[in-house]
Amino acid sequence: MRKIIIALLLITGFVLHIKAQEKVKIDIEKSVIKWSGSYSFDFGGHEGTVKIKDGELTKTNGRISAGQFIIDMNTIVNTDDYSQDLIDHLKSDDFFDVKNHPTAKLVINRVKYHDPNNTKFSKQIYIRINGDLTIKGIRQPVMFEAEIDPGQTNILAKLKIDRTLWNVSFKSKSISASIKDGIISDAIEFRISLRIN
């Protein structure tokens, strides 16, 4: 009898755990990633967008706890001064090798809710995200901050990476230190805007 009761309790706990989790789809039509890059020893640079192909987030007890989304690298464009030549170059194996790696992927492994301003009066919800970013088939860990609106439908995040860790090394200072002109910063900044249904 005792074993039966224990088994029922375990089953009940498992069911409650399942009910506490839900999957929410990312609205790919209203979500976008903005990117920007600059020169290391000169003014200027480029910025643009790339679209999300698919994705979902996991909520546990109403809070985001995990998730993932796929980035369609074929949609990369620059918006500062549209240039098809630049777009073609970004898609080439000098940069993202889109022909062989048409998608990138961000997996959210851990989410910590916190209050960066040490105040309880902010309406925004702040989170710190740990995850894995895969570009050109190379997976590297990332950590970044994000904020969520009170209705938990919009997420804004900022992420800066060292592109050389993903073998995006064209005109990197690490391989072109002797020629400063035209060297591109190793840092790429992403501003991620997610809308969830």
N, C-alpha and C. Protein backbone atom coordinates (compact mmCIF):
# COMPACT_ATOMS: atom_id res chain seq x y z
N MET A 1 0.82 -1.21 0.00
CA MET A 1 0.00 0.00 0.00
C MET A 1 0.86 1.26 0.00
N ARG A 2 1.93 1.21 0.81
CA ARG A 2 2.82 2.37 0.91
C ARG A 2 3.47 2.65 -0.44
N LYS A 3 3.87 1.58 -1.15
CA LYS A 3 4.49 1.74 -2.45
C LYS A 3 3.53 2.37 -3.45
N ILE A 4 2.26 1.98 -3.35
CA ILE A 4 1.25 2.53 -4.26
C ILE A 4 1.07 4.03 -4.01
N ILE A 5 1.02 4.41 -2.74
CA ILE A 5 0.86 5.83 -2.39
C ILE A 5 2.05 6.64 -2.90
N ILE A 6 3.27 6.11 -2.71
CA ILE A 6 4.47 6.80 -3.18
C ILE A 6 4.43 6.95 -4.70
N ALA A 7 4.03 5.87 -5.37
CA ALA A 7 3.95 5.92 -6.83
C ALA A 7 2.94 6.97 -7.29
N LEU A 8 1.78 7.04 -6.63
CA LEU A 8 0.77 8.04 -6.99
C LEU A 8 1.27 9.46 -6.76
N LEU A 9 2.01 9.65 -5.67
CA LEU A 9 2.57 10.97 -5.38
C LEU A 9 3.58 11.38 -6.45
N LEU A 10 4.40 10.43 -6.87
CA LEU A 10 5.39 10.71 -7.91
C LEU A 10 4.72 11.06 -9.23
N ILE A 11 3.69 10.31 -9.57
CA ILE A 11 2.94 10.56 -10.81
C ILE A 11 2.27 11.93 -10.74
N THR A 12 1.67 12.25 -9.60
CA THR A 12 1.01 13.55 -9.43
C THR A 12 2.01 14.69 -9.57
N GLY A 13 3.18 14.50 -8.93
CA GLY A 13 4.21 15.54 -9.03
C GLY A 13 4.69 15.72 -10.44
N PHE A 14 4.82 14.62 -11.19
CA PHE A 14 5.25 14.69 -12.58
C PHE A 14 4.22 15.41 -13.43
N VAL A 15 2.94 15.11 -13.22
CA VAL A 15 1.86 15.75 -13.97
C VAL A 15 1.83 17.25 -13.67
N LEU A 16 1.97 17.61 -12.40
CA LEU A 16 1.98 19.02 -12.03
C LEU A 16 3.15 19.75 -12.66
N HIS A 17 4.30 19.06 -12.74
CA HIS A 17 5.48 19.65 -13.37
C HIS A 17 5.22 19.92 -14.84
N ILE A 18 4.58 18.96 -15.52
CA ILE A 18 4.24 19.13 -16.93
C ILE A 18 3.30 20.31 -17.11
N LYS A 19 2.29 20.40 -16.24
CA LYS A 19 1.31 21.49 -16.34
C LYS A 19 1.96 22.85 -16.09
N ALA A 20 3.04 22.85 -15.30
CA ALA A 20 3.69 24.12 -14.97
C ALA A 20 4.52 24.64 -16.12
N GLN A 21 4.79 23.79 -17.10
CA GLN A 21 5.57 24.21 -18.26
C GLN A 21 4.69 24.36 -19.48
N GLU A 22 5.01 25.38 -20.28
CA GLU A 22 4.30 25.58 -21.54
C GLU A 22 5.27 26.09 -22.59
N LYS A 23 5.01 25.74 -23.84
CA LYS A 23 5.79 26.20 -24.97
C LYS A 23 5.06 27.37 -25.63
N VAL A 24 5.80 28.43 -25.91
CA VAL A 24 5.21 29.58 -26.60
C VAL A 24 6.00 29.86 -27.86
N LYS A 25 5.30 30.04 -28.97
CA LYS A 25 5.95 30.25 -30.25
C LYS A 25 6.43 31.70 -30.37
N ILE A 26 7.55 31.87 -31.04
CA ILE A 26 8.04 33.20 -31.37
C ILE A 26 7.35 33.65 -32.65
N ASP A 27 6.80 34.85 -32.65
CA ASP A 27 6.15 35.42 -33.83
C ASP A 27 7.25 35.91 -34.78
N ILE A 28 7.56 35.12 -35.79
CA ILE A 28 8.69 35.44 -36.66
C ILE A 28 8.43 36.66 -37.54
N GLU A 29 7.15 37.00 -37.75
CA GLU A 29 6.83 38.18 -38.55
C GLU A 29 7.10 39.47 -37.79
N LYS A 30 7.04 39.42 -36.47
CA LYS A 30 7.22 40.61 -35.65
C LYS A 30 8.52 40.59 -34.84
N SER A 31 9.38 39.62 -35.15
CA SER A 31 10.66 39.50 -34.46
C SER A 31 11.78 39.74 -35.46
N VAL A 32 12.88 40.31 -34.99
CA VAL A 32 13.99 40.61 -35.89
C VAL A 32 15.28 40.72 -35.08
N ILE A 33 16.39 40.47 -35.75
CA ILE A 33 17.70 40.67 -35.15
C ILE A 33 18.42 41.76 -35.92
N LYS A 34 18.87 42.78 -35.22
CA LYS A 34 19.67 43.84 -35.83
C LYS A 34 21.13 43.60 -35.51
N TRP A 35 21.98 43.76 -36.49
CA TRP A 35 23.42 43.54 -36.29
C TRP A 35 24.18 44.82 -36.64
N SER A 36 25.36 44.96 -36.06
CA SER A 36 26.22 46.09 -36.41
C SER A 36 27.68 45.69 -36.24
N GLY A 37 28.51 46.21 -37.13
CA GLY A 37 29.94 45.99 -37.08
C GLY A 37 30.66 47.28 -37.43
N SER A 38 31.88 47.44 -36.98
CA SER A 38 32.61 48.68 -37.21
C SER A 38 34.07 48.38 -37.53
N TYR A 39 34.78 49.42 -37.95
CA TYR A 39 36.20 49.29 -38.21
C TYR A 39 36.98 49.49 -36.91
N SER A 40 38.12 48.83 -36.81
CA SER A 40 38.92 48.94 -35.59
C SER A 40 39.70 50.24 -35.49
N PHE A 41 40.21 50.74 -36.63
CA PHE A 41 41.08 51.92 -36.60
C PHE A 41 40.56 53.03 -37.50
N ASP A 42 39.26 53.05 -37.74
CA ASP A 42 38.66 54.08 -38.58
C ASP A 42 37.22 54.27 -38.15
N PHE A 43 36.62 55.39 -38.55
CA PHE A 43 35.22 55.63 -38.26
C PHE A 43 34.34 54.89 -39.26
N GLY A 44 33.11 54.68 -38.86
CA GLY A 44 32.17 54.04 -39.77
C GLY A 44 32.02 52.56 -39.52
N GLY A 45 31.20 51.95 -40.34
CA GLY A 45 30.90 50.54 -40.21
C GLY A 45 29.61 50.25 -40.95
N HIS A 46 29.00 49.15 -40.62
CA HIS A 46 27.74 48.78 -41.26
C HIS A 46 26.78 48.19 -40.23
N GLU A 47 25.51 48.29 -40.55
CA GLU A 47 24.49 47.67 -39.71
C GLU A 47 23.38 47.14 -40.61
N GLY A 48 22.61 46.22 -40.06
CA GLY A 48 21.55 45.63 -40.86
C GLY A 48 20.67 44.72 -40.04
N THR A 49 19.97 43.84 -40.72
CA THR A 49 19.06 42.93 -40.04
C THR A 49 19.21 41.51 -40.59
N VAL A 50 18.73 40.57 -39.83
CA VAL A 50 18.60 39.19 -40.27
C VAL A 50 17.35 38.63 -39.59
N LYS A 51 16.61 37.78 -40.30
CA LYS A 51 15.32 37.33 -39.80
C LYS A 51 15.40 35.99 -39.06
N ILE A 52 14.44 35.80 -38.19
CA ILE A 52 14.31 34.54 -37.46
C ILE A 52 13.40 33.61 -38.27
N LYS A 53 13.85 32.38 -38.45
CA LYS A 53 13.10 31.42 -39.26
C LYS A 53 12.05 30.68 -38.46
N ASP A 54 12.41 30.33 -37.22
CA ASP A 54 11.49 29.56 -36.38
C ASP A 54 12.03 29.60 -34.96
N GLY A 55 11.14 29.41 -33.99
CA GLY A 55 11.61 29.37 -32.62
C GLY A 55 10.49 29.28 -31.61
N GLU A 56 10.86 28.90 -30.40
CA GLU A 56 9.90 28.83 -29.31
C GLU A 56 10.63 29.02 -27.99
N LEU A 57 9.88 29.44 -26.99
CA LEU A 57 10.40 29.60 -25.65
C LEU A 57 9.63 28.68 -24.71
N THR A 58 10.28 28.25 -23.65
CA THR A 58 9.63 27.45 -22.62
C THR A 58 9.38 28.33 -21.41
N LYS A 59 8.16 28.31 -20.92
CA LYS A 59 7.82 29.01 -19.68
C LYS A 59 7.57 27.98 -18.58
N THR A 60 8.16 28.22 -17.44
CA THR A 60 7.93 27.38 -16.27
C THR A 60 7.32 28.24 -15.18
N ASN A 61 6.12 27.87 -14.77
CA ASN A 61 5.38 28.67 -13.79
C ASN A 61 5.27 30.14 -14.21
N GLY A 62 5.04 30.34 -15.51
CA GLY A 62 4.82 31.69 -16.04
C GLY A 62 6.08 32.47 -16.35
N ARG A 63 7.25 31.87 -16.08
CA ARG A 63 8.52 32.56 -16.35
C ARG A 63 9.30 31.84 -17.44
N ILE A 64 9.96 32.62 -18.29
CA ILE A 64 10.78 32.03 -19.34
C ILE A 64 11.94 31.28 -18.70
N SER A 65 12.14 30.04 -19.11
CA SER A 65 13.19 29.21 -18.51
C SER A 65 14.14 28.61 -19.54
N ALA A 66 13.72 28.56 -20.79
CA ALA A 66 14.56 27.96 -21.83
C ALA A 66 13.99 28.34 -23.20
N GLY A 67 14.61 27.86 -24.24
CA GLY A 67 14.09 28.13 -25.57
C GLY A 67 15.16 28.00 -26.63
N GLN A 68 14.76 28.25 -27.85
CA GLN A 68 15.70 28.24 -28.96
C GLN A 68 15.06 28.91 -30.17
N PHE A 69 15.89 29.44 -31.05
CA PHE A 69 15.38 29.93 -32.32
C PHE A 69 16.43 29.79 -33.41
N ILE A 70 15.92 29.63 -34.63
CA ILE A 70 16.75 29.43 -35.81
C ILE A 70 16.80 30.76 -36.58
N ILE A 71 18.01 31.14 -37.00
CA ILE A 71 18.22 32.37 -37.74
C ILE A 71 18.46 32.04 -39.21
N ASP A 72 17.70 32.69 -40.08
CA ASP A 72 17.81 32.46 -41.53
C ASP A 72 18.91 33.37 -42.09
N MET A 73 20.11 32.84 -42.27
CA MET A 73 21.23 33.65 -42.72
C MET A 73 21.08 34.15 -44.15
N ASN A 74 20.19 33.54 -44.91
CA ASN A 74 19.94 34.02 -46.28
C ASN A 74 19.23 35.37 -46.29
N THR A 75 18.67 35.78 -45.15
CA THR A 75 17.92 37.04 -45.10
C THR A 75 18.78 38.21 -44.63
N ILE A 76 20.07 38.00 -44.45
CA ILE A 76 20.92 39.08 -43.95
C ILE A 76 21.01 40.21 -44.97
N VAL A 77 20.79 41.44 -44.49
CA VAL A 77 20.91 42.64 -45.34
C VAL A 77 21.56 43.74 -44.52
N ASN A 78 22.08 44.75 -45.21
CA ASN A 78 22.55 45.94 -44.49
C ASN A 78 21.57 47.06 -44.73
N THR A 79 21.35 47.87 -43.71
CA THR A 79 20.32 48.92 -43.77
C THR A 79 20.90 50.32 -43.72
N ASP A 80 22.21 50.46 -43.46
CA ASP A 80 22.78 51.80 -43.39
C ASP A 80 22.90 52.41 -44.79
N ASP A 81 23.23 51.61 -45.79
CA ASP A 81 23.31 52.07 -47.18
C ASP A 81 23.30 50.82 -48.03
N TYR A 82 22.11 50.38 -48.40
CA TYR A 82 21.93 49.07 -49.02
C TYR A 82 22.95 48.82 -50.12
N SER A 83 23.62 47.68 -50.03
CA SER A 83 24.63 47.31 -51.01
C SER A 83 24.57 45.82 -51.26
N GLN A 84 24.20 45.44 -52.48
CA GLN A 84 24.14 44.02 -52.81
C GLN A 84 25.52 43.39 -52.76
N ASP A 85 26.54 44.17 -53.13
CA ASP A 85 27.91 43.65 -53.06
C ASP A 85 28.28 43.29 -51.62
N LEU A 86 27.92 44.17 -50.68
CA LEU A 86 28.21 43.89 -49.27
C LEU A 86 27.45 42.66 -48.79
N ILE A 87 26.19 42.56 -49.17
CA ILE A 87 25.38 41.41 -48.77
C ILE A 87 25.98 40.11 -49.31
N ASP A 88 26.37 40.15 -50.59
CA ASP A 88 26.99 38.96 -51.19
C ASP A 88 28.29 38.61 -50.47
N HIS A 89 29.04 39.63 -50.05
CA HIS A 89 30.29 39.38 -49.35
C HIS A 89 30.04 38.78 -47.97
N LEU A 90 29.02 39.29 -47.28
CA LEU A 90 28.68 38.74 -45.96
C LEU A 90 28.25 37.28 -46.06
N LYS A 91 27.63 36.93 -47.18
CA LYS A 91 27.17 35.56 -47.37
C LYS A 91 28.28 34.63 -47.84
N SER A 92 29.40 35.19 -48.26
CA SER A 92 30.50 34.39 -48.79
C SER A 92 31.27 33.71 -47.66
N ASP A 93 32.22 32.85 -48.03
CA ASP A 93 32.99 32.16 -46.99
C ASP A 93 34.00 33.07 -46.30
N ASP A 94 34.15 34.33 -46.75
CA ASP A 94 34.93 35.31 -46.00
C ASP A 94 34.27 35.61 -44.66
N PHE A 95 32.94 35.53 -44.65
CA PHE A 95 32.19 35.84 -43.44
C PHE A 95 31.37 34.64 -42.98
N PHE A 96 30.11 34.53 -43.40
CA PHE A 96 29.21 33.55 -42.80
C PHE A 96 28.98 32.28 -43.63
N ASP A 97 29.56 32.21 -44.83
CA ASP A 97 29.50 31.00 -45.65
C ASP A 97 28.06 30.44 -45.70
N VAL A 98 27.15 31.29 -46.13
CA VAL A 98 25.72 30.96 -46.07
C VAL A 98 25.36 29.78 -46.97
N LYS A 99 26.10 29.59 -48.05
CA LYS A 99 25.82 28.46 -48.94
C LYS A 99 25.91 27.14 -48.19
N ASN A 100 26.92 27.01 -47.34
CA ASN A 100 27.11 25.76 -46.59
C ASN A 100 26.47 25.80 -45.20
N HIS A 101 26.18 27.00 -44.72
CA HIS A 101 25.58 27.14 -43.38
C HIS A 101 24.43 28.15 -43.47
N PRO A 102 23.30 27.74 -44.04
CA PRO A 102 22.19 28.67 -44.27
C PRO A 102 21.47 29.13 -43.02
N THR A 103 21.70 28.47 -41.90
CA THR A 103 21.05 28.88 -40.66
C THR A 103 22.07 28.97 -39.53
N ALA A 104 21.73 29.79 -38.55
CA ALA A 104 22.44 29.84 -37.28
C ALA A 104 21.42 29.51 -36.20
N LYS A 105 21.88 29.27 -34.99
CA LYS A 105 20.94 28.83 -33.95
C LYS A 105 21.37 29.34 -32.59
N LEU A 106 20.40 29.85 -31.84
CA LEU A 106 20.65 30.24 -30.45
C LEU A 106 19.78 29.38 -29.54
N VAL A 107 20.43 28.67 -28.63
CA VAL A 107 19.73 27.83 -27.66
C VAL A 107 19.87 28.48 -26.29
N ILE A 108 18.75 28.70 -25.62
CA ILE A 108 18.73 29.27 -24.27
C ILE A 108 18.72 28.13 -23.27
N ASN A 109 19.78 28.03 -22.48
CA ASN A 109 19.89 26.93 -21.52
C ASN A 109 19.45 27.31 -20.12
N ARG A 110 19.74 28.55 -19.73
CA ARG A 110 19.42 28.98 -18.36
C ARG A 110 19.02 30.44 -18.35
N VAL A 111 18.02 30.76 -17.54
CA VAL A 111 17.52 32.14 -17.42
C VAL A 111 17.45 32.50 -15.95
N LYS A 112 18.03 33.63 -15.62
CA LYS A 112 17.96 34.13 -14.24
C LYS A 112 17.24 35.47 -14.22
N TYR A 113 16.18 35.55 -13.46
CA TYR A 113 15.47 36.82 -13.28
C TYR A 113 16.18 37.63 -12.20
N HIS A 114 16.40 38.91 -12.48
CA HIS A 114 17.10 39.73 -11.50
C HIS A 114 16.70 41.19 -11.67
N ASP A 115 17.18 42.02 -10.76
CA ASP A 115 16.87 43.45 -10.77
C ASP A 115 18.18 44.22 -10.82
N PRO A 116 18.65 44.60 -12.01
CA PRO A 116 19.97 45.22 -12.13
C PRO A 116 20.09 46.59 -11.46
N ASN A 117 18.97 47.25 -11.27
CA ASN A 117 19.00 48.58 -10.67
C ASN A 117 18.72 48.58 -9.17
N ASN A 118 18.57 47.37 -8.62
CA ASN A 118 18.30 47.22 -7.19
C ASN A 118 17.09 48.05 -6.76
N THR A 119 16.06 48.00 -7.58
CA THR A 119 14.83 48.73 -7.25
C THR A 119 13.63 47.84 -7.55
N LYS A 120 12.60 48.00 -6.79
CA LYS A 120 11.40 47.20 -6.98
C LYS A 120 10.31 47.97 -7.74
N PHE A 121 10.68 49.15 -8.25
CA PHE A 121 9.66 50.01 -8.85
C PHE A 121 9.68 50.00 -10.38
N SER A 122 10.59 49.27 -10.97
CA SER A 122 10.66 49.20 -12.43
C SER A 122 9.58 48.26 -12.95
N LYS A 123 8.91 48.68 -14.02
CA LYS A 123 7.88 47.84 -14.62
C LYS A 123 8.49 46.77 -15.53
N GLN A 124 9.70 47.03 -16.01
CA GLN A 124 10.36 46.06 -16.87
C GLN A 124 10.85 44.87 -16.06
N ILE A 125 10.93 43.74 -16.72
CA ILE A 125 11.44 42.51 -16.11
C ILE A 125 12.80 42.24 -16.73
N TYR A 126 13.81 42.05 -15.89
CA TYR A 126 15.17 41.86 -16.38
C TYR A 126 15.62 40.41 -16.18
N ILE A 127 16.29 39.89 -17.20
CA ILE A 127 16.78 38.52 -17.11
C ILE A 127 18.22 38.44 -17.64
N ARG A 128 18.95 37.46 -17.13
CA ARG A 128 20.29 37.14 -17.65
C ARG A 128 20.21 35.76 -18.28
N ILE A 129 20.68 35.66 -19.51
CA ILE A 129 20.53 34.43 -20.29
C ILE A 129 21.89 33.79 -20.54
N ASN A 130 21.95 32.49 -20.29
CA ASN A 130 23.10 31.68 -20.69
C ASN A 130 22.65 30.72 -21.78
N GLY A 131 23.42 30.63 -22.82
CA GLY A 131 23.02 29.75 -23.91
C GLY A 131 24.19 29.36 -24.79
N ASP A 132 23.86 28.79 -25.94
CA ASP A 132 24.84 28.37 -26.94
C ASP A 132 24.44 28.96 -28.28
N LEU A 133 25.40 29.62 -28.92
CA LEU A 133 25.17 30.20 -30.25
C LEU A 133 25.98 29.41 -31.27
N THR A 134 25.29 28.93 -32.31
CA THR A 134 25.94 28.17 -33.37
C THR A 134 25.93 28.99 -34.65
N ILE A 135 27.12 29.28 -35.18
CA ILE A 135 27.31 29.97 -36.45
C ILE A 135 28.34 29.19 -37.25
N LYS A 136 28.09 28.96 -38.53
CA LYS A 136 28.99 28.19 -39.39
C LYS A 136 29.28 26.81 -38.81
N GLY A 137 28.30 26.25 -38.11
CA GLY A 137 28.45 24.92 -37.53
C GLY A 137 29.29 24.88 -36.28
N ILE A 138 29.71 26.05 -35.78
CA ILE A 138 30.54 26.12 -34.58
C ILE A 138 29.68 26.61 -33.42
N ARG A 139 29.65 25.85 -32.34
CA ARG A 139 28.84 26.20 -31.17
C ARG A 139 29.74 26.76 -30.07
N GLN A 140 29.34 27.93 -29.55
CA GLN A 140 30.09 28.57 -28.48
C GLN A 140 29.10 29.07 -27.42
N PRO A 141 29.50 29.04 -26.15
CA PRO A 141 28.62 29.56 -25.09
C PRO A 141 28.55 31.08 -25.13
N VAL A 142 27.39 31.61 -24.80
CA VAL A 142 27.19 33.06 -24.72
C VAL A 142 26.40 33.40 -23.47
N MET A 143 26.57 34.63 -23.00
CA MET A 143 25.79 35.13 -21.88
C MET A 143 25.42 36.58 -22.19
N PHE A 144 24.17 36.95 -21.95
CA PHE A 144 23.75 38.31 -22.26
C PHE A 144 22.53 38.69 -21.44
N GLU A 145 22.24 39.99 -21.45
CA GLU A 145 21.12 40.53 -20.69
C GLU A 145 19.92 40.79 -21.60
N ALA A 146 18.75 40.74 -21.03
CA ALA A 146 17.52 41.04 -21.79
C ALA A 146 16.50 41.65 -20.85
N GLU A 147 15.54 42.34 -21.44
CA GLU A 147 14.43 42.87 -20.66
C GLU A 147 13.11 42.50 -21.31
N ILE A 148 12.12 42.28 -20.48
CA ILE A 148 10.80 41.85 -20.93
C ILE A 148 9.78 42.88 -20.49
N ASP A 149 8.81 43.17 -21.35
CA ASP A 149 7.76 44.10 -20.97
C ASP A 149 6.85 43.45 -19.93
N PRO A 150 6.11 44.24 -19.15
CA PRO A 150 5.26 43.67 -18.09
C PRO A 150 4.26 42.62 -18.58
N GLY A 151 3.81 42.74 -19.83
CA GLY A 151 2.87 41.76 -20.36
C GLY A 151 3.54 40.49 -20.84
N GLN A 152 4.88 40.46 -20.80
CA GLN A 152 5.68 39.31 -21.22
C GLN A 152 5.37 38.86 -22.64
N THR A 153 5.26 39.85 -23.54
CA THR A 153 5.06 39.54 -24.96
C THR A 153 6.22 40.03 -25.82
N ASN A 154 7.03 40.96 -25.30
CA ASN A 154 8.16 41.51 -26.04
C ASN A 154 9.44 41.34 -25.24
N ILE A 155 10.46 40.82 -25.89
CA ILE A 155 11.76 40.64 -25.25
C ILE A 155 12.81 41.38 -26.07
N LEU A 156 13.59 42.21 -25.42
CA LEU A 156 14.67 42.94 -26.07
C LEU A 156 15.99 42.51 -25.44
N ALA A 157 16.94 42.10 -26.26
CA ALA A 157 18.22 41.62 -25.75
C ALA A 157 19.37 42.22 -26.53
N LYS A 158 20.50 42.38 -25.86
CA LYS A 158 21.72 42.85 -26.50
C LYS A 158 22.79 41.78 -26.31
N LEU A 159 23.46 41.46 -27.40
CA LEU A 159 24.49 40.43 -27.37
C LEU A 159 25.67 40.88 -28.22
N LYS A 160 26.87 40.81 -27.66
CA LYS A 160 28.08 41.15 -28.41
C LYS A 160 29.01 39.94 -28.39
N ILE A 161 29.49 39.57 -29.57
CA ILE A 161 30.35 38.39 -29.68
C ILE A 161 31.69 38.74 -30.33
N ASP A 162 32.68 37.89 -30.10
CA ASP A 162 33.94 37.93 -30.80
C ASP A 162 33.80 37.01 -31.99
N ARG A 163 33.68 37.58 -33.17
CA ARG A 163 33.36 36.80 -34.37
C ARG A 163 34.41 35.74 -34.69
N THR A 164 35.65 35.96 -34.27
CA THR A 164 36.71 35.00 -34.61
C THR A 164 36.49 33.64 -33.94
N LEU A 165 35.72 33.62 -32.85
CA LEU A 165 35.42 32.34 -32.19
C LEU A 165 34.55 31.45 -33.05
N TRP A 166 33.89 32.05 -34.04
CA TRP A 166 33.05 31.30 -34.97
C TRP A 166 33.69 31.25 -36.36
N ASN A 167 35.00 31.47 -36.40
CA ASN A 167 35.76 31.41 -37.65
C ASN A 167 35.26 32.43 -38.68
N VAL A 168 34.85 33.59 -38.21
CA VAL A 168 34.53 34.72 -39.09
C VAL A 168 35.69 35.70 -38.94
N SER A 169 36.74 35.48 -39.71
CA SER A 169 38.03 36.14 -39.43
C SER A 169 38.48 37.11 -40.51
N PHE A 170 37.63 37.43 -41.47
CA PHE A 170 38.03 38.34 -42.55
C PHE A 170 38.45 39.70 -42.00
N LYS A 171 39.66 40.12 -42.34
CA LYS A 171 40.24 41.40 -41.90
C LYS A 171 40.16 41.58 -40.38
N SER A 172 40.39 40.50 -39.67
CA SER A 172 40.43 40.56 -38.21
C SER A 172 41.79 41.09 -37.77
N LYS A 173 41.80 41.81 -36.66
CA LYS A 173 43.08 42.32 -36.13
C LYS A 173 44.00 41.17 -35.73
N SER A 174 43.42 40.01 -35.43
CA SER A 174 44.24 38.88 -35.01
C SER A 174 45.06 38.29 -36.14
N ILE A 175 44.65 38.56 -37.39
CA ILE A 175 45.40 38.03 -38.53
C ILE A 175 45.95 39.14 -39.42
N SER A 176 45.58 40.40 -39.12
CA SER A 176 46.02 41.51 -39.96
C SER A 176 46.59 42.65 -39.12
N ALA A 177 47.23 42.32 -38.01
CA ALA A 177 47.69 43.34 -37.07
C ALA A 177 48.69 44.30 -37.69
N SER A 178 49.41 43.85 -38.72
CA SER A 178 50.44 44.71 -39.32
C SER A 178 49.86 45.71 -40.30
N ILE A 179 48.60 45.55 -40.69
CA ILE A 179 47.97 46.47 -41.65
C ILE A 179 46.70 47.01 -41.01
N LYS A 180 46.77 48.22 -40.48
CA LYS A 180 45.64 48.77 -39.73
C LYS A 180 44.50 49.22 -40.63
N ASP A 181 44.80 49.73 -41.81
CA ASP A 181 43.75 50.25 -42.68
C ASP A 181 42.79 49.14 -43.08
N GLY A 182 41.52 49.38 -42.83
CA GLY A 182 40.49 48.45 -43.25
C GLY A 182 40.24 47.30 -42.31
N ILE A 183 40.97 47.25 -41.18
CA ILE A 183 40.73 46.17 -40.23
C ILE A 183 39.33 46.32 -39.62
N ILE A 184 38.60 45.23 -39.59
CA ILE A 184 37.24 45.22 -39.05
C ILE A 184 37.28 44.74 -37.61
N SER A 185 36.54 45.40 -36.74
CA SER A 185 36.50 44.99 -35.34
C SER A 185 36.08 43.53 -35.21
N ASP A 186 36.69 42.85 -34.27
CA ASP A 186 36.31 41.46 -34.02
C ASP A 186 34.93 41.35 -33.37
N ALA A 187 34.42 42.45 -32.85
CA ALA A 187 33.13 42.44 -32.15
C ALA A 187 31.97 42.67 -33.12
N ILE A 188 30.97 41.85 -33.00
CA ILE A 188 29.70 42.07 -33.70
C ILE A 188 28.62 42.21 -32.63
N GLU A 189 27.82 43.23 -32.78
CA GLU A 189 26.74 43.46 -31.80
C GLU A 189 25.40 43.06 -32.40
N PHE A 190 24.60 42.36 -31.60
CA PHE A 190 23.26 41.97 -32.01
C PHE A 190 22.24 42.58 -31.05
N ARG A 191 21.19 43.14 -31.60
CA ARG A 191 20.04 43.59 -30.81
C ARG A 191 18.86 42.72 -31.23
N ILE A 192 18.44 41.87 -30.32
CA ILE A 192 17.41 40.88 -30.62
C ILE A 192 16.07 41.35 -30.10
N SER A 193 15.10 41.41 -30.99
CA SER A 193 13.74 41.78 -30.60
C SER A 193 12.81 40.61 -30.89
N LEU A 194 12.29 40.01 -29.82
CA LEU A 194 11.41 38.85 -29.95
C LEU A 194 9.99 39.20 -29.56
N ARG A 195 9.04 38.78 -30.35
CA ARG A 195 7.62 38.90 -30.00
C ARG A 195 7.09 37.48 -29.82
N ILE A 196 6.48 37.22 -28.68
CA ILE A 196 5.95 35.88 -28.44
C ILE A 196 4.44 35.92 -28.40
N ASN A 197 3.84 34.84 -28.89
CA ASN A 197 2.37 34.75 -28.97
C ASN A 197 1.77 34.34 -27.64
